[in-house]
Amino acid sequence: MTSSQKVINILKSHNLMSISTVDEKGRPKVRSVDYAMGEDESVLYFITHKATNKVKEIRANHHVYISVDHDCDSMEELAQLKYIKAAGKAYIAETPEENQKAFGHILAKIPYLKELPGDPSDFVGVRVELDQVYLTDNTVQFGYSEEITLK
């Protein structure tokens, strides 16, 4: 399996990513969001309430950093762990078409998010375009990491 295929497998098999933005004081802020892969492995989508700080922070500074991984319960599991870290740019959906595209990807992968509380118009889609991706693959060697070139 190629490293790019490993990245795709990780993105398809996980639902939660940590995303870091920068606040108005220049400090990083990390939170977890449900996500879905977009047109290819270089594009991820998530939805969030319009009034969140992350929306304000992304509008002020498009640069984000993400990680997709999971915890392990044993050294055996840790020895099999593969995860990604990536830098990219995030964009808030500005048109109904962009918003529908983000919601379509998310709801196809995570249908229960249709049940989010509140009015659907209170939520907005976010597109994350990854431009620097690192794969960590403990099956190669513990802590082995490589930069992956995406499409």
Protein backbone atom coordinates (compact mmCIF):
# COMPACT_ATOMS: atom_id res chain seq x y z
CA MET A 1 0.00 0.00 0.00
CA THR A 2 1.39 3.42 -0.94
CA SER A 3 1.67 6.25 1.56
CA SER A 4 -1.04 8.18 -0.31
CA GLN A 5 -3.37 5.18 0.00
CA LYS A 6 -2.64 5.07 3.73
CA VAL A 7 -3.64 8.74 4.01
CA ILE A 8 -6.90 8.03 2.15
CA ASN A 9 -7.62 5.04 4.42
CA ILE A 10 -7.05 7.15 7.53
CA LEU A 11 -9.32 9.92 6.26
CA LYS A 12 -12.08 7.48 5.30
CA SER A 13 -11.93 5.42 8.50
CA HIS A 14 -12.06 8.30 11.00
CA ASN A 15 -14.80 10.85 11.70
CA LEU A 16 -13.08 13.26 14.05
CA MET A 17 -10.22 15.62 13.40
CA SER A 18 -8.54 18.22 15.56
CA ILE A 19 -8.26 21.59 13.88
CA SER A 20 -6.14 24.47 15.07
CA THR A 21 -6.88 28.10 14.23
CA VAL A 22 -5.26 31.29 15.48
CA ASP A 23 -7.18 33.66 17.77
CA GLU A 24 -7.11 37.47 17.76
CA LYS A 25 -4.13 37.44 20.16
CA GLY A 26 -2.12 35.16 17.88
CA ARG A 27 -2.55 32.10 20.08
CA PRO A 28 -3.38 28.69 18.60
CA LYS A 29 -6.80 27.22 19.44
CA VAL A 30 -7.51 23.53 18.93
CA ARG A 31 -10.87 21.80 18.86
CA SER A 32 -12.33 18.63 17.40
CA VAL A 33 -14.85 18.54 14.56
CA ASP A 34 -16.56 15.80 12.58
CA TYR A 35 -15.30 15.87 8.99
CA ALA A 36 -15.62 14.21 5.60
CA MET A 37 -13.21 13.90 2.71
CA GLY A 38 -14.16 15.96 -0.32
CA GLU A 39 -13.33 15.55 -3.98
CA ASP A 40 -10.01 13.92 -3.10
CA GLU A 41 -7.77 13.48 -0.07
CA SER A 42 -6.54 17.08 -0.22
CA VAL A 43 -9.99 18.53 0.61
CA LEU A 44 -11.89 18.06 3.86
CA TYR A 45 -15.24 19.50 4.94
CA PHE A 46 -16.88 20.14 8.28
CA ILE A 47 -19.90 22.06 9.46
CA THR A 48 -20.16 24.36 12.45
CA HIS A 49 -22.46 26.92 13.99
CA LYS A 50 -22.05 30.34 12.37
CA ALA A 51 -21.48 32.02 15.74
CA THR A 52 -18.44 29.94 16.78
CA ASN A 53 -15.05 31.48 17.38
CA LYS A 54 -13.55 29.19 14.74
CA VAL A 55 -15.66 30.87 12.03
CA LYS A 56 -14.41 34.30 13.12
CA GLU A 57 -10.83 33.03 13.36
CA ILE A 58 -10.90 31.37 9.93
CA ARG A 59 -12.30 34.53 8.34
CA ALA A 60 -9.42 36.51 9.89
CA ASN A 61 -6.70 33.94 9.11
CA HIS A 62 -7.27 31.04 6.70
CA HIS A 63 -4.23 29.08 7.91
CA VAL A 64 -5.11 25.96 9.91
CA TYR A 65 -3.40 22.81 11.10
CA ILE A 66 -5.20 19.51 11.50
CA SER A 67 -4.56 16.05 12.86
CA VAL A 68 -6.53 12.85 12.36
CA ASP A 69 -5.72 10.03 14.75
CA HIS A 70 -7.11 7.91 17.56
CA ASP A 71 -6.04 6.66 20.95
CA CYS A 72 -4.64 3.21 21.63
CA ASP A 73 -5.26 0.80 24.50
CA SER A 74 -2.01 -1.18 24.31
CA MET A 75 1.53 -1.18 22.96
CA GLU A 76 0.37 -3.65 20.28
CA GLU A 77 -2.24 -1.14 19.06
CA LEU A 78 0.28 1.70 19.29
CA ALA A 79 2.70 -0.30 17.12
CA GLN A 80 -0.03 -0.43 14.42
CA LEU A 81 -1.02 3.26 14.65
CA LYS A 82 -1.13 5.39 11.52
CA TYR A 83 -2.18 9.04 11.62
CA ILE A 84 -1.85 12.29 9.72
CA LYS A 85 -1.00 15.89 10.49
CA ALA A 86 -1.43 18.61 7.91
CA ALA A 87 -1.24 22.32 7.25
CA GLY A 88 -3.74 23.98 4.99
CA LYS A 89 -6.21 26.77 4.45
CA ALA A 90 -9.83 26.83 5.54
CA TYR A 91 -12.65 28.70 3.80
CA ILE A 92 -16.13 29.42 5.09
CA ALA A 93 -18.88 28.62 2.56
CA GLU A 94 -20.11 31.94 1.22
CA THR A 95 -22.78 30.74 -1.21
CA PRO A 96 -25.70 28.34 -0.82
CA GLU A 97 -24.01 26.03 -3.35
CA GLU A 98 -20.77 25.88 -1.35
CA ASN A 99 -22.73 25.28 1.84
CA GLN A 100 -24.79 22.51 0.22
CA LYS A 101 -21.61 20.84 -1.04
CA ALA A 102 -20.09 20.79 2.45
CA PHE A 103 -23.32 19.52 4.02
CA GLY A 104 -23.63 16.85 1.32
CA HIS A 105 -20.17 15.42 2.02
CA ILE A 106 -20.66 15.51 5.79
CA LEU A 107 -24.17 14.03 5.85
CA ALA A 108 -23.20 11.26 3.41
CA LYS A 109 -20.47 10.15 5.83
CA ILE A 110 -22.11 11.01 9.16
CA PRO A 111 -25.91 10.92 8.67
CA TYR A 112 -26.78 11.47 12.33
CA LEU A 113 -25.55 15.08 12.03
CA LYS A 114 -28.93 15.79 10.37
CA GLU A 115 -30.14 15.81 13.98
CA LEU A 116 -28.01 18.79 15.06
CA PRO A 117 -30.04 20.99 17.40
CA GLY A 118 -31.17 24.36 16.11
CA ASP A 119 -32.12 25.70 12.73
CA PRO A 120 -30.04 24.34 9.82
CA SER A 121 -29.53 27.91 8.60
CA ASP A 122 -27.53 28.56 11.81
CA PHE A 123 -24.77 26.29 10.49
CA VAL A 124 -22.15 26.84 7.83
CA GLY A 125 -19.87 24.56 5.85
CA VAL A 126 -16.10 24.89 5.96
CA ARG A 127 -13.73 23.65 3.24
CA VAL A 128 -10.17 22.77 4.29
CA GLU A 129 -7.58 22.52 1.52
CA LEU A 130 -4.52 20.61 2.70
CA ASP A 131 -1.18 21.63 1.25
CA GLN A 132 1.39 19.99 3.53
CA VAL A 133 0.57 16.51 4.83
CA TYR A 134 2.62 14.27 7.10
CA LEU A 135 1.89 10.57 7.60
CA THR A 136 3.09 8.90 10.78
CA ASP A 137 3.17 5.11 10.39
CA ASN A 138 4.33 3.12 13.39
CA THR A 139 4.14 -0.10 11.34
CA VAL A 140 7.23 1.05 9.43
CA GLN A 141 9.10 2.09 12.56
CA PHE A 142 7.87 3.61 15.80
CA GLY A 143 7.44 7.34 15.15
CA TYR A 144 8.21 7.03 11.41
CA SER A 145 6.92 10.13 9.62
CA GLU A 146 7.05 11.28 6.04
CA GLU A 147 5.70 14.21 4.05
CA ILE A 148 3.13 13.12 1.48
CA THR A 149 2.44 14.91 -1.79
CA LEU A 150 -1.28 14.98 -2.53
CA LYS A 151 -3.09 15.61 -5.80
